N, C-alpha and C. Protein backbone atom coordinates (compact mmCIF):
# COMPACT_ATOMS: atom_id res chain seq x y z
N MET A 1 -17.83 11.44 -4.67
CA MET A 1 -18.18 10.16 -4.10
C MET A 1 -17.22 9.81 -2.96
N ALA A 2 -17.64 8.88 -2.14
CA ALA A 2 -16.82 8.44 -1.01
C ALA A 2 -15.93 7.27 -1.44
N ILE A 3 -14.73 7.28 -0.92
CA ILE A 3 -13.78 6.20 -1.19
C ILE A 3 -14.16 5.00 -0.33
N ARG A 4 -14.22 3.84 -0.96
CA ARG A 4 -14.44 2.59 -0.24
C ARG A 4 -13.17 1.77 -0.34
N VAL A 5 -12.78 1.16 0.76
CA VAL A 5 -11.61 0.28 0.77
C VAL A 5 -12.12 -1.15 0.96
N LEU A 6 -11.71 -2.01 0.05
CA LEU A 6 -12.20 -3.39 0.03
C LEU A 6 -11.04 -4.37 -0.07
N PRO A 7 -11.16 -5.52 0.58
CA PRO A 7 -10.16 -6.57 0.35
C PRO A 7 -10.40 -7.19 -1.02
N VAL A 8 -9.34 -7.66 -1.63
CA VAL A 8 -9.44 -8.30 -2.94
C VAL A 8 -9.05 -9.75 -2.79
N SER A 9 -9.89 -10.63 -3.31
CA SER A 9 -9.56 -12.06 -3.29
C SER A 9 -9.00 -12.46 -4.65
N ALA A 10 -8.34 -13.58 -4.70
CA ALA A 10 -7.73 -14.07 -5.94
C ALA A 10 -8.79 -14.42 -6.98
N GLU A 11 -10.02 -14.63 -6.55
CA GLU A 11 -11.09 -14.99 -7.48
C GLU A 11 -11.71 -13.78 -8.16
N GLN A 12 -11.42 -12.59 -7.70
CA GLN A 12 -11.99 -11.37 -8.27
C GLN A 12 -11.10 -10.88 -9.41
N LEU A 13 -11.14 -11.61 -10.52
CA LEU A 13 -10.22 -11.37 -11.62
C LEU A 13 -10.37 -9.98 -12.23
N GLU A 14 -11.59 -9.50 -12.37
CA GLU A 14 -11.80 -8.17 -12.95
C GLU A 14 -11.19 -7.08 -12.06
N LEU A 15 -11.39 -7.23 -10.77
CA LEU A 15 -10.82 -6.27 -9.82
C LEU A 15 -9.30 -6.36 -9.80
N LEU A 16 -8.78 -7.58 -9.83
CA LEU A 16 -7.32 -7.77 -9.90
C LEU A 16 -6.73 -7.12 -11.15
N ASP A 17 -7.41 -7.28 -12.28
CA ASP A 17 -6.93 -6.67 -13.52
C ASP A 17 -6.90 -5.14 -13.39
N ALA A 18 -7.89 -4.56 -12.74
CA ALA A 18 -7.92 -3.11 -12.56
C ALA A 18 -6.79 -2.64 -11.64
N VAL A 19 -6.48 -3.44 -10.61
CA VAL A 19 -5.37 -3.11 -9.71
C VAL A 19 -4.05 -3.17 -10.48
N VAL A 20 -3.86 -4.21 -11.27
CA VAL A 20 -2.64 -4.35 -12.06
C VAL A 20 -2.50 -3.17 -13.02
N ALA A 21 -3.60 -2.74 -13.62
CA ALA A 21 -3.56 -1.61 -14.55
C ALA A 21 -3.09 -0.33 -13.85
N VAL A 22 -3.57 -0.11 -12.63
CA VAL A 22 -3.13 1.07 -11.88
C VAL A 22 -1.64 0.94 -11.56
N GLY A 23 -1.24 -0.22 -11.07
CA GLY A 23 0.17 -0.44 -10.74
C GLY A 23 1.09 -0.29 -11.95
N ASP A 24 0.62 -0.77 -13.10
CA ASP A 24 1.43 -0.69 -14.31
C ASP A 24 1.69 0.75 -14.74
N ARG A 25 0.81 1.66 -14.36
CA ARG A 25 1.01 3.08 -14.69
C ARG A 25 2.23 3.66 -13.97
N TYR A 26 2.64 3.02 -12.88
CA TYR A 26 3.70 3.58 -12.03
C TYR A 26 4.89 2.65 -11.87
N THR A 27 5.12 1.77 -12.84
CA THR A 27 6.25 0.85 -12.73
C THR A 27 7.58 1.59 -12.68
N LYS A 28 7.63 2.77 -13.25
CA LYS A 28 8.87 3.56 -13.21
C LYS A 28 9.27 3.85 -11.77
N TYR A 29 8.30 3.98 -10.89
CA TYR A 29 8.55 4.31 -9.49
C TYR A 29 8.45 3.11 -8.56
N LEU A 30 7.56 2.19 -8.88
CA LEU A 30 7.32 1.04 -8.02
C LEU A 30 8.08 -0.20 -8.43
N GLY A 31 8.50 -0.26 -9.68
CA GLY A 31 9.08 -1.47 -10.21
C GLY A 31 7.98 -2.35 -10.79
N LEU A 32 8.36 -3.30 -11.58
CA LEU A 32 7.40 -4.18 -12.23
C LEU A 32 6.98 -5.29 -11.28
N LEU A 33 5.70 -5.46 -11.14
CA LEU A 33 5.15 -6.56 -10.37
C LEU A 33 4.21 -7.31 -11.30
N THR A 34 4.40 -8.59 -11.44
CA THR A 34 3.62 -9.38 -12.39
C THR A 34 2.23 -9.69 -11.83
N PRO A 35 1.26 -9.92 -12.71
CA PRO A 35 -0.09 -10.27 -12.24
C PRO A 35 -0.12 -11.44 -11.25
N PRO A 36 0.69 -12.50 -11.44
CA PRO A 36 0.67 -13.58 -10.44
C PRO A 36 1.11 -13.10 -9.04
N ALA A 37 1.98 -12.11 -8.98
CA ALA A 37 2.40 -11.58 -7.68
C ALA A 37 1.24 -10.85 -7.00
N TYR A 38 0.48 -10.09 -7.76
CA TYR A 38 -0.72 -9.45 -7.20
C TYR A 38 -1.69 -10.52 -6.70
N ARG A 39 -1.89 -11.56 -7.51
CA ARG A 39 -2.81 -12.64 -7.15
C ARG A 39 -2.36 -13.34 -5.86
N LYS A 40 -1.05 -13.54 -5.71
CA LYS A 40 -0.52 -14.19 -4.51
C LYS A 40 -0.80 -13.33 -3.27
N HIS A 41 -0.60 -12.03 -3.38
CA HIS A 41 -0.93 -11.15 -2.25
C HIS A 41 -2.42 -11.22 -1.93
N ALA A 42 -3.25 -11.27 -2.97
CA ALA A 42 -4.69 -11.38 -2.74
C ALA A 42 -5.03 -12.69 -2.04
N GLU A 43 -4.42 -13.79 -2.47
CA GLU A 43 -4.65 -15.09 -1.83
C GLU A 43 -4.26 -15.07 -0.36
N ASP A 44 -3.19 -14.33 -0.05
CA ASP A 44 -2.68 -14.25 1.33
C ASP A 44 -3.40 -13.19 2.17
N GLY A 45 -4.38 -12.51 1.58
CA GLY A 45 -5.10 -11.47 2.32
C GLY A 45 -4.35 -10.16 2.39
N GLY A 46 -3.40 -9.95 1.49
CA GLY A 46 -2.56 -8.77 1.53
C GLY A 46 -2.78 -7.80 0.38
N LEU A 47 -4.01 -7.68 -0.10
CA LEU A 47 -4.31 -6.71 -1.15
C LEU A 47 -5.62 -6.02 -0.82
N LEU A 48 -5.53 -4.71 -0.64
CA LEU A 48 -6.71 -3.88 -0.45
C LEU A 48 -6.80 -2.91 -1.61
N VAL A 49 -8.01 -2.58 -2.00
CA VAL A 49 -8.21 -1.67 -3.11
C VAL A 49 -9.08 -0.51 -2.64
N ALA A 50 -8.76 0.68 -3.15
CA ALA A 50 -9.59 1.87 -2.91
C ALA A 50 -10.42 2.10 -4.16
N VAL A 51 -11.72 2.19 -3.98
CA VAL A 51 -12.65 2.33 -5.10
C VAL A 51 -13.46 3.61 -4.91
N ASP A 52 -13.59 4.36 -6.00
CA ASP A 52 -14.43 5.55 -6.01
C ASP A 52 -15.40 5.40 -7.17
N ASP A 53 -16.67 5.24 -6.85
CA ASP A 53 -17.70 5.08 -7.88
C ASP A 53 -17.35 3.96 -8.86
N GLU A 54 -16.98 2.81 -8.33
CA GLU A 54 -16.65 1.60 -9.10
C GLU A 54 -15.33 1.70 -9.87
N GLU A 55 -14.56 2.78 -9.70
CA GLU A 55 -13.25 2.91 -10.34
C GLU A 55 -12.16 2.65 -9.30
N VAL A 56 -11.19 1.80 -9.65
CA VAL A 56 -10.06 1.56 -8.77
C VAL A 56 -9.16 2.79 -8.83
N VAL A 57 -8.97 3.43 -7.67
CA VAL A 57 -8.17 4.65 -7.62
C VAL A 57 -6.86 4.45 -6.86
N GLY A 58 -6.70 3.30 -6.22
CA GLY A 58 -5.48 3.01 -5.50
C GLY A 58 -5.52 1.63 -4.89
N TYR A 59 -4.38 1.21 -4.38
CA TYR A 59 -4.31 -0.10 -3.73
C TYR A 59 -3.13 -0.15 -2.78
N ALA A 60 -3.19 -1.12 -1.88
CA ALA A 60 -2.08 -1.41 -0.97
C ALA A 60 -1.81 -2.91 -1.04
N LEU A 61 -0.56 -3.25 -1.27
CA LEU A 61 -0.09 -4.64 -1.26
C LEU A 61 0.77 -4.79 -0.03
N PHE A 62 0.48 -5.75 0.81
CA PHE A 62 1.22 -5.86 2.06
C PHE A 62 1.27 -7.30 2.52
N GLY A 63 2.13 -7.54 3.49
CA GLY A 63 2.26 -8.86 4.08
C GLY A 63 2.46 -8.75 5.57
N LEU A 64 2.19 -9.82 6.25
CA LEU A 64 2.38 -9.90 7.69
C LEU A 64 3.47 -10.92 7.97
N PRO A 65 4.72 -10.48 8.04
CA PRO A 65 5.81 -11.42 8.27
C PRO A 65 5.62 -12.19 9.57
N GLU A 66 5.98 -13.46 9.54
CA GLU A 66 5.78 -14.33 10.70
C GLU A 66 6.68 -13.96 11.88
N ARG A 67 7.87 -13.47 11.61
CA ARG A 67 8.84 -13.23 12.68
C ARG A 67 9.04 -11.75 13.00
N SER A 68 8.12 -10.91 12.56
CA SER A 68 8.29 -9.48 12.78
C SER A 68 6.95 -8.87 13.19
N PRO A 69 6.98 -7.88 14.06
CA PRO A 69 5.72 -7.22 14.44
C PRO A 69 5.30 -6.15 13.44
N TYR A 70 6.04 -6.00 12.35
CA TYR A 70 5.74 -4.96 11.38
C TYR A 70 4.96 -5.49 10.20
N VAL A 71 4.05 -4.70 9.71
CA VAL A 71 3.40 -4.98 8.45
C VAL A 71 4.39 -4.60 7.37
N ARG A 72 4.57 -5.45 6.39
CA ARG A 72 5.48 -5.15 5.29
C ARG A 72 4.65 -4.62 4.12
N LEU A 73 4.82 -3.36 3.83
CA LEU A 73 4.07 -2.71 2.77
C LEU A 73 4.90 -2.74 1.49
N ALA A 74 4.44 -3.51 0.50
CA ALA A 74 5.18 -3.65 -0.75
C ALA A 74 4.84 -2.52 -1.71
N HIS A 75 3.56 -2.20 -1.84
CA HIS A 75 3.11 -1.10 -2.70
C HIS A 75 2.00 -0.34 -1.99
N LEU A 76 2.08 0.95 -2.07
CA LEU A 76 0.98 1.84 -1.70
C LEU A 76 0.86 2.78 -2.87
N CYS A 77 -0.14 2.58 -3.70
CA CYS A 77 -0.23 3.26 -4.97
C CYS A 77 -1.58 3.95 -5.10
N VAL A 78 -1.55 5.23 -5.44
CA VAL A 78 -2.77 6.00 -5.69
C VAL A 78 -2.62 6.66 -7.05
N ALA A 79 -3.64 6.51 -7.89
CA ALA A 79 -3.60 7.14 -9.21
C ALA A 79 -3.41 8.64 -9.05
N GLU A 80 -2.55 9.18 -9.88
CA GLU A 80 -2.16 10.60 -9.75
C GLU A 80 -3.35 11.54 -9.70
N GLU A 81 -4.36 11.28 -10.49
CA GLU A 81 -5.52 12.17 -10.53
C GLU A 81 -6.40 12.09 -9.29
N HIS A 82 -6.09 11.14 -8.40
CA HIS A 82 -6.87 10.99 -7.15
C HIS A 82 -6.05 11.29 -5.91
N ARG A 83 -4.84 11.77 -6.08
CA ARG A 83 -3.99 12.08 -4.93
C ARG A 83 -4.48 13.34 -4.23
N GLY A 84 -4.14 13.43 -2.96
CA GLY A 84 -4.52 14.59 -2.16
C GLY A 84 -5.93 14.50 -1.61
N ARG A 85 -6.56 13.34 -1.74
CA ARG A 85 -7.93 13.14 -1.25
C ARG A 85 -7.98 12.18 -0.06
N GLY A 86 -6.82 11.78 0.45
CA GLY A 86 -6.78 10.89 1.60
C GLY A 86 -6.90 9.41 1.27
N VAL A 87 -6.72 9.05 0.01
CA VAL A 87 -6.86 7.65 -0.40
C VAL A 87 -5.80 6.78 0.28
N ALA A 88 -4.55 7.22 0.27
CA ALA A 88 -3.48 6.43 0.90
C ALA A 88 -3.75 6.27 2.39
N ARG A 89 -4.17 7.32 3.03
CA ARG A 89 -4.48 7.25 4.46
C ARG A 89 -5.61 6.25 4.72
N GLU A 90 -6.63 6.25 3.87
CA GLU A 90 -7.74 5.29 4.01
C GLU A 90 -7.24 3.85 3.89
N LEU A 91 -6.34 3.62 2.93
CA LEU A 91 -5.78 2.27 2.76
C LEU A 91 -4.98 1.85 3.99
N ILE A 92 -4.13 2.73 4.48
CA ILE A 92 -3.32 2.42 5.66
C ILE A 92 -4.21 2.19 6.88
N GLU A 93 -5.21 3.03 7.06
CA GLU A 93 -6.12 2.86 8.20
C GLU A 93 -6.87 1.53 8.10
N ALA A 94 -7.22 1.13 6.89
CA ALA A 94 -7.90 -0.16 6.71
C ALA A 94 -6.98 -1.32 7.07
N ILE A 95 -5.70 -1.23 6.71
CA ILE A 95 -4.74 -2.27 7.11
C ILE A 95 -4.65 -2.30 8.63
N ARG A 96 -4.51 -1.14 9.21
CA ARG A 96 -4.40 -1.05 10.68
C ARG A 96 -5.63 -1.67 11.35
N ALA A 97 -6.81 -1.33 10.88
CA ALA A 97 -8.04 -1.85 11.49
C ALA A 97 -8.16 -3.36 11.33
N ARG A 98 -7.79 -3.88 10.17
CA ARG A 98 -7.92 -5.32 9.91
C ARG A 98 -6.90 -6.15 10.67
N HIS A 99 -5.76 -5.56 11.02
CA HIS A 99 -4.69 -6.35 11.61
C HIS A 99 -4.27 -5.88 12.99
N ALA A 100 -5.08 -5.07 13.63
CA ALA A 100 -4.77 -4.59 14.98
C ALA A 100 -4.67 -5.76 15.96
N HIS A 101 -5.51 -6.76 15.77
CA HIS A 101 -5.55 -7.91 16.67
C HIS A 101 -4.28 -8.77 16.58
N SER A 102 -3.54 -8.65 15.47
CA SER A 102 -2.38 -9.52 15.28
C SER A 102 -1.13 -9.00 15.99
N GLY A 103 -1.21 -7.80 16.56
CA GLY A 103 -0.05 -7.22 17.21
C GLY A 103 0.89 -6.54 16.22
N SER A 104 0.48 -6.44 14.96
CA SER A 104 1.31 -5.80 13.95
C SER A 104 1.33 -4.29 14.16
N HIS A 105 2.43 -3.68 13.77
CA HIS A 105 2.62 -2.25 13.97
C HIS A 105 2.47 -1.46 12.69
N LEU A 106 1.71 -0.40 12.76
CA LEU A 106 1.65 0.62 11.73
C LEU A 106 1.65 1.96 12.44
N GLU A 107 2.41 2.06 13.50
CA GLU A 107 2.32 3.23 14.37
C GLU A 107 3.05 4.45 13.85
N ASP A 108 3.99 4.28 12.95
CA ASP A 108 4.79 5.41 12.51
C ASP A 108 4.32 6.00 11.19
N LEU A 109 3.06 5.80 10.84
CA LEU A 109 2.54 6.35 9.60
C LEU A 109 2.74 7.86 9.50
N PRO A 110 2.46 8.66 10.54
CA PRO A 110 2.66 10.10 10.38
C PRO A 110 4.09 10.47 10.01
N LYS A 111 5.09 9.78 10.57
CA LYS A 111 6.48 10.06 10.23
C LYS A 111 6.74 9.74 8.76
N ALA A 112 6.24 8.60 8.30
CA ALA A 112 6.46 8.21 6.92
C ALA A 112 5.77 9.17 5.96
N VAL A 113 4.56 9.60 6.30
CA VAL A 113 3.84 10.53 5.44
C VAL A 113 4.57 11.86 5.39
N ARG A 114 5.03 12.37 6.52
CA ARG A 114 5.79 13.63 6.52
C ARG A 114 7.04 13.48 5.67
N TRP A 115 7.74 12.35 5.79
CA TRP A 115 8.95 12.13 5.02
C TRP A 115 8.64 12.12 3.53
N SER A 116 7.61 11.40 3.13
CA SER A 116 7.30 11.30 1.71
C SER A 116 6.83 12.63 1.15
N ARG A 117 6.09 13.41 1.94
CA ARG A 117 5.67 14.74 1.47
C ARG A 117 6.88 15.64 1.26
N ALA A 118 7.88 15.51 2.11
CA ALA A 118 9.06 16.35 1.99
C ALA A 118 9.83 16.07 0.71
N TYR A 119 9.73 14.84 0.22
CA TYR A 119 10.47 14.47 -0.98
C TYR A 119 9.58 14.41 -2.22
N GLY A 120 8.34 14.82 -2.12
CA GLY A 120 7.48 14.94 -3.28
C GLY A 120 6.65 13.72 -3.57
N PRO A 121 5.74 13.84 -4.54
CA PRO A 121 4.77 12.78 -4.83
C PRO A 121 5.36 11.57 -5.53
N ARG A 122 6.61 11.63 -5.95
CA ARG A 122 7.19 10.50 -6.67
C ARG A 122 7.90 9.53 -5.76
N VAL A 123 7.86 9.77 -4.48
CA VAL A 123 8.46 8.81 -3.55
C VAL A 123 7.63 7.55 -3.60
N SER A 124 8.27 6.44 -3.85
CA SER A 124 7.53 5.19 -4.00
C SER A 124 7.62 4.29 -2.79
N ALA A 125 8.61 4.50 -1.95
CA ALA A 125 8.72 3.64 -0.78
C ALA A 125 9.60 4.30 0.26
N VAL A 126 9.34 3.98 1.47
CA VAL A 126 10.16 4.43 2.59
C VAL A 126 10.51 3.16 3.35
N SER A 127 11.79 2.90 3.53
CA SER A 127 12.15 1.63 4.15
C SER A 127 12.66 1.82 5.56
N ASP A 128 12.54 0.78 6.33
CA ASP A 128 13.06 0.70 7.69
C ASP A 128 12.54 1.80 8.61
N ILE A 129 11.29 2.13 8.47
CA ILE A 129 10.70 3.06 9.42
C ILE A 129 9.82 2.24 10.34
N GLY A 130 10.21 2.17 11.57
CA GLY A 130 9.43 1.45 12.57
C GLY A 130 9.49 2.23 13.85
N PRO A 131 8.70 1.85 14.84
CA PRO A 131 8.70 2.57 16.09
C PRO A 131 10.11 2.68 16.66
N GLY A 132 10.55 3.90 16.86
CA GLY A 132 11.85 4.13 17.47
C GLY A 132 13.04 3.97 16.57
N SER A 133 12.83 3.68 15.29
CA SER A 133 13.99 3.45 14.42
C SER A 133 14.75 4.73 14.16
N GLY A 134 14.04 5.85 14.05
CA GLY A 134 14.68 7.12 13.79
C GLY A 134 15.40 7.19 12.46
N GLN A 135 15.07 6.29 11.54
CA GLN A 135 15.76 6.24 10.27
C GLN A 135 14.82 6.54 9.12
N THR A 136 15.35 7.13 8.09
CA THR A 136 14.64 7.25 6.83
C THR A 136 15.59 6.79 5.75
N ALA A 137 15.04 6.47 4.61
CA ALA A 137 15.87 5.95 3.53
C ALA A 137 15.61 6.75 2.26
N PRO A 138 16.48 6.62 1.28
CA PRO A 138 16.25 7.30 0.01
C PRO A 138 14.96 6.81 -0.64
N ALA A 139 14.50 7.55 -1.61
CA ALA A 139 13.28 7.18 -2.34
C ALA A 139 13.57 6.01 -3.26
N LEU A 140 13.34 4.83 -2.78
CA LEU A 140 13.60 3.63 -3.54
C LEU A 140 12.35 2.78 -3.58
N ALA A 141 12.10 2.16 -4.71
CA ALA A 141 11.00 1.20 -4.77
C ALA A 141 11.40 -0.01 -3.96
N GLY A 142 10.46 -0.63 -3.31
CA GLY A 142 10.77 -1.82 -2.54
C GLY A 142 9.84 -1.94 -1.37
N TYR A 143 10.29 -2.61 -0.36
CA TYR A 143 9.46 -2.85 0.80
C TYR A 143 9.59 -1.73 1.82
N SER A 144 8.49 -1.46 2.46
CA SER A 144 8.45 -0.48 3.54
C SER A 144 7.98 -1.18 4.80
N GLN A 145 8.50 -0.77 5.92
CA GLN A 145 8.03 -1.31 7.18
C GLN A 145 7.65 -0.15 8.06
N TRP A 146 6.42 -0.20 8.57
CA TRP A 146 5.96 0.84 9.50
C TRP A 146 5.47 0.18 10.76
């Protein structure tokens, strides 16, 4: 089946619960995020979900900081059994398409993807990667900027 990327609203409780369930599988790598935090991102327009045949296979939690041209990616999570199918790339491309008009940057995705591949599938976050930064960080859960 084809992966569909959809925005999640705070009113879509069943979908939010499915996203939380996927995230909870990877708290060891991503850290614990409470259901109200997921709901807040959804209210702010910062939660996209990847769905394959009505199953949530991944999600992206992000924000658009007011004083920065970077999208702040809090979580980019793909269920292990669905990795290697381009789900993360679909989520990132959807963020890019939805927020291109805002002047936000997601230009260094290829660098971040190469970095995370070099350190294996358990990398949960890459921090401080932005255009021209030339920096990479250890594999730490937290915020990423691209």
